[in-house]
C-alpha atoms as a PDB file:
ATOM      1  CA  MET A   1     177.796 249.176  24.625  1.00  0.00           C
ATOM      2  CA  GLY A   2     174.922 248.715  22.219  1.00  0.00           C
ATOM      3  CA  GLU A   3     171.740 246.741  22.672  1.00  0.00           C
ATOM      4  CA  HIS A   4     171.623 244.632  25.802  1.00  0.00           C
ATOM      5  CA  ALA A   5     170.715 240.958  25.584  1.00  0.00           C
ATOM      6  CA  ALA A   6     168.485 239.589  28.321  1.00  0.00           C
ATOM      7  CA  SER A   7     171.057 237.602  30.268  1.00  0.00           C
ATOM      8  CA  HIS A   8     174.383 235.866  30.059  1.00  0.00           C
ATOM      9  CA  ARG A   9     175.581 232.809  31.947  1.00  0.00           C
ATOM     10  CA  CYS A  10     179.159 232.404  33.200  1.00  0.00           C
ATOM     11  CA  ALA A  11     180.405 229.088  34.497  1.00  0.00           C
ATOM     12  CA  PHE A  12     183.420 229.092  36.781  1.00  0.00           C
ATOM     13  CA  ASP A  13     184.944 225.775  37.795  1.00  0.00           C
ATOM     14  CA  GLY A  14     188.108 224.345  39.249  1.00  0.00           C
ATOM     15  CA  ASP A  15     190.247 226.551  41.473  1.00  0.00           C
ATOM     16  CA  LEU A  16     188.712 229.998  41.967  1.00  0.00           C
ATOM     17  CA  THR A  17     191.538 231.598  43.862  1.00  0.00           C
ATOM     18  CA  VAL A  18     193.796 234.639  43.827  1.00  0.00           C
ATOM     19  CA  ARG A  19     195.849 232.974  41.069  1.00  0.00           C
ATOM     20  CA  SER A  20     192.856 233.117  38.724  1.00  0.00           C
ATOM     21  CA  ALA A  21     191.442 236.445  39.975  1.00  0.00           C
ATOM     22  CA  ALA A  22     192.567 238.545  36.978  1.00  0.00           C
ATOM     23  CA  ARG A  23     191.039 236.057  34.526  1.00  0.00           C
ATOM     24  CA  ILE A  24     187.797 235.868  36.509  1.00  0.00           C
ATOM     25  CA  GLN A  25     187.588 239.658  36.764  1.00  0.00           C
ATOM     26  CA  ALA A  26     188.025 239.972  32.993  1.00  0.00           C
ATOM     27  CA  GLN A  27     185.310 237.368  32.396  1.00  0.00           C
ATOM     28  CA  LEU A  28     182.905 239.210  34.690  1.00  0.00           C
ATOM     29  CA  ILE A  29     183.575 242.530  32.960  1.00  0.00           C
ATOM     30  CA  ASP A  30     183.067 240.909  29.548  1.00  0.00           C
ATOM     31  CA  ALA A  31     179.858 239.238  30.734  1.00  0.00           C
ATOM     32  CA  PHE A  32     178.253 242.582  31.543  1.00  0.00           C
ATOM     33  CA  ASP A  33     179.284 244.052  28.196  1.00  0.00           C
ATOM     34  CA  GLY A  34     176.008 243.848  26.307  1.00  0.00           C
ATOM     35  CA  HIS A  35     174.037 242.074  29.037  1.00  0.00           C
ATOM     36  CA  ARG A  36     171.838 243.539  31.766  1.00  0.00           C
ATOM     37  CA  ALA A  37     171.798 240.312  33.774  1.00  0.00           C
ATOM     38  CA  VAL A  38     174.554 237.812  34.420  1.00  0.00           C
ATOM     39  CA  GLU A  39     174.071 234.404  36.023  1.00  0.00           C
ATOM     40  CA  ILE A  40     177.057 232.819  37.719  1.00  0.00           C
ATOM     41  CA  ASP A  41     177.369 229.028  37.904  1.00  0.00           C
ATOM     42  CA  CYS A  42     179.989 227.887  40.419  1.00  0.00           C
ATOM     43  CA  SER A  43     178.775 224.304  40.718  1.00  0.00           C
ATOM     44  CA  GLY A  44     182.078 223.008  39.322  1.00  0.00           C
ATOM     45  CA  ALA A  45     184.288 224.917  41.752  1.00  0.00           C
ATOM     46  CA  THR A  46     186.771 222.709  43.580  1.00  0.00           C
ATOM     47  CA  HIS A  47     188.585 225.353  45.644  1.00  0.00           C
ATOM     48  CA  VAL A  48     187.416 228.884  46.378  1.00  0.00           C
ATOM     49  CA  ASP A  49     189.245 231.525  48.362  1.00  0.00           C
ATOM     50  CA  LEU A  50     188.088 234.912  49.529  1.00  0.00           C
ATOM     51  CA  SER A  51     189.388 236.661  46.406  1.00  0.00           C
ATOM     52  CA  PHE A  52     186.600 235.022  44.374  1.00  0.00           C
ATOM     53  CA  VAL A  53     184.000 235.993  46.970  1.00  0.00           C
ATOM     54  CA  GLN A  54     185.308 239.577  46.838  1.00  0.00           C
ATOM     55  CA  LEU A  55     185.111 239.599  43.037  1.00  0.00           C
ATOM     56  CA  LEU A  56     181.478 238.513  43.168  1.00  0.00           C
ATOM     57  CA  LEU A  57     180.681 241.109  45.834  1.00  0.00           C
ATOM     58  CA  ALA A  58     182.292 243.850  43.728  1.00  0.00           C
ATOM     59  CA  ALA A  59     180.592 242.648  40.541  1.00  0.00           C
ATOM     60  CA  ARG A  60     177.236 242.565  42.277  1.00  0.00           C
ATOM     61  CA  ARG A  61     177.712 246.101  43.606  1.00  0.00           C
ATOM     62  CA  SER A  62     178.844 247.410  40.214  1.00  0.00           C
ATOM     63  CA  ALA A  63     175.951 245.689  38.474  1.00  0.00           C
ATOM     64  CA  ALA A  64     173.414 247.219  40.850  1.00  0.00           C
ATOM     65  CA  ALA A  65     174.934 250.678  40.410  1.00  0.00           C
ATOM     66  CA  SER A  66     174.519 250.427  36.639  1.00  0.00           C
ATOM     67  CA  GLY A  67     171.002 248.954  36.755  1.00  0.00           C
ATOM     68  CA  ALA A  68     172.168 245.440  35.905  1.00  0.00           C
ATOM     69  CA  ARG A  69     171.785 242.256  37.932  1.00  0.00           C
ATOM     70  CA  LEU A  70     174.118 239.483  39.069  1.00  0.00           C
ATOM     71  CA  THR A  71     172.699 236.199  40.338  1.00  0.00           C
ATOM     72  CA  LEU A  72     173.943 232.755  41.256  1.00  0.00           C
ATOM     73  CA  THR A  73     172.382 229.876  39.335  1.00  0.00           C
ATOM     74  CA  HIS A  74     172.544 227.688  42.454  1.00  0.00           C
ATOM     75  CA  PRO A  75     172.798 228.420  46.168  1.00  0.00           C
ATOM     76  CA  SER A  76     176.397 228.554  47.282  1.00  0.00           C
ATOM     77  CA  GLY A  77     177.452 225.015  47.959  1.00  0.00           C
ATOM     78  CA  GLY A  78     180.631 223.014  48.317  1.00  0.00           C
ATOM     79  CA  ALA A  79     183.788 225.082  47.995  1.00  0.00           C
ATOM     80  CA  LEU A  80     181.903 228.350  47.460  1.00  0.00           C
ATOM     81  CA  HIS A  81     179.765 227.759  50.539  1.00  0.00           C
ATOM     82  CA  ASP A  82     182.888 227.111  52.612  1.00  0.00           C
ATOM     83  CA  ALA A  83     184.435 230.400  51.419  1.00  0.00           C
ATOM     84  CA  VAL A  84     181.209 232.290  52.152  1.00  0.00           C
ATOM     85  CA  LEU A  85     181.201 230.853  55.677  1.00  0.00           C
ATOM     86  CA  ARG A  86     184.859 231.844  56.176  1.00  0.00           C
ATOM     87  CA  ALA A  87     183.989 235.374  55.051  1.00  0.00           C
ATOM     88  CA  GLY A  88     181.177 235.567  57.610  1.00  0.00           C
ATOM     89  CA  ILE A  89     178.646 236.394  54.913  1.00  0.00           C
ATOM     90  CA  ALA A  90     176.218 233.629  55.782  1.00  0.00           C
ATOM     91  CA  THR A  91     175.784 234.944  59.308  1.00  0.00           C
ATOM     92  CA  ASP A  92     176.940 238.581  59.473  1.00  0.00           C
ATOM     93  CA  ALA A  93     175.609 240.060  56.226  1.00  0.00           C
ATOM     94  CA  CYS A  94     172.320 241.844  55.671  1.00  0.00           C
ATOM     95  CA  ALA A  95     169.310 239.802  54.620  1.00  0.00           C
ATOM     96  CA  ALA A  96     169.672 240.700  50.920  1.00  0.00           C
ATOM     97  CA  ASP A  97     173.318 239.582  50.871  1.00  0.00           C
ATOM     98  CA  ARG A  98     172.544 236.329  52.660  1.00  0.00           C
ATOM     99  CA  ALA A  99     169.691 235.742  50.227  1.00  0.00           C
ATOM    100  CA  PHE A 100     172.009 236.336  47.247  1.00  0.00           C
ATOM    101  CA  TRP A 101     174.460 233.690  48.446  1.00  0.00           C
ATOM    102  CA  LEU A 102     171.668 231.278  49.339  1.00  0.00           C
ATOM    103  CA  ASN A 103     169.880 231.986  46.021  1.00  0.00           C
ATOM    104  CA  THR A 104     166.523 233.029  47.369  1.00  0.00           C
ATOM    105  CA  THR A 105     164.181 235.582  45.843  1.00  0.00           C
ATOM    106  CA  GLU A 106     165.143 238.510  48.096  1.00  0.00           C
ATOM    107  CA  GLY A 107     168.815 238.427  47.110  1.00  0.00           C
ATOM    108  CA  ASN A 108     168.187 238.150  43.404  1.00  0.00           C
ATOM    109  CA  ARG A 109     166.510 241.533  42.993  1.00  0.00           C
END
């Protein structure tokens, strides 16, 4: 990795499920190659399962460990919000994790 650009935006739409997990994982890895911050836009998601939520959790953890940052461009809504609720993140997670999914300042640090 050479110079790091300020940020990169990834848009994920349609079905974000286990069937597309390998493609999504590759896109997330590529997004952090050369970027210290990645913004994820899921506003076009029509179906989201827990595999996508897990990929974002892992990407966020990996980003933090390497000094990078992962954020959502919008609070989780629609299909993503439903998956987050099914995962128990909206109610059982720590404040920083809830803030990340709800796109508030605390979770975007």
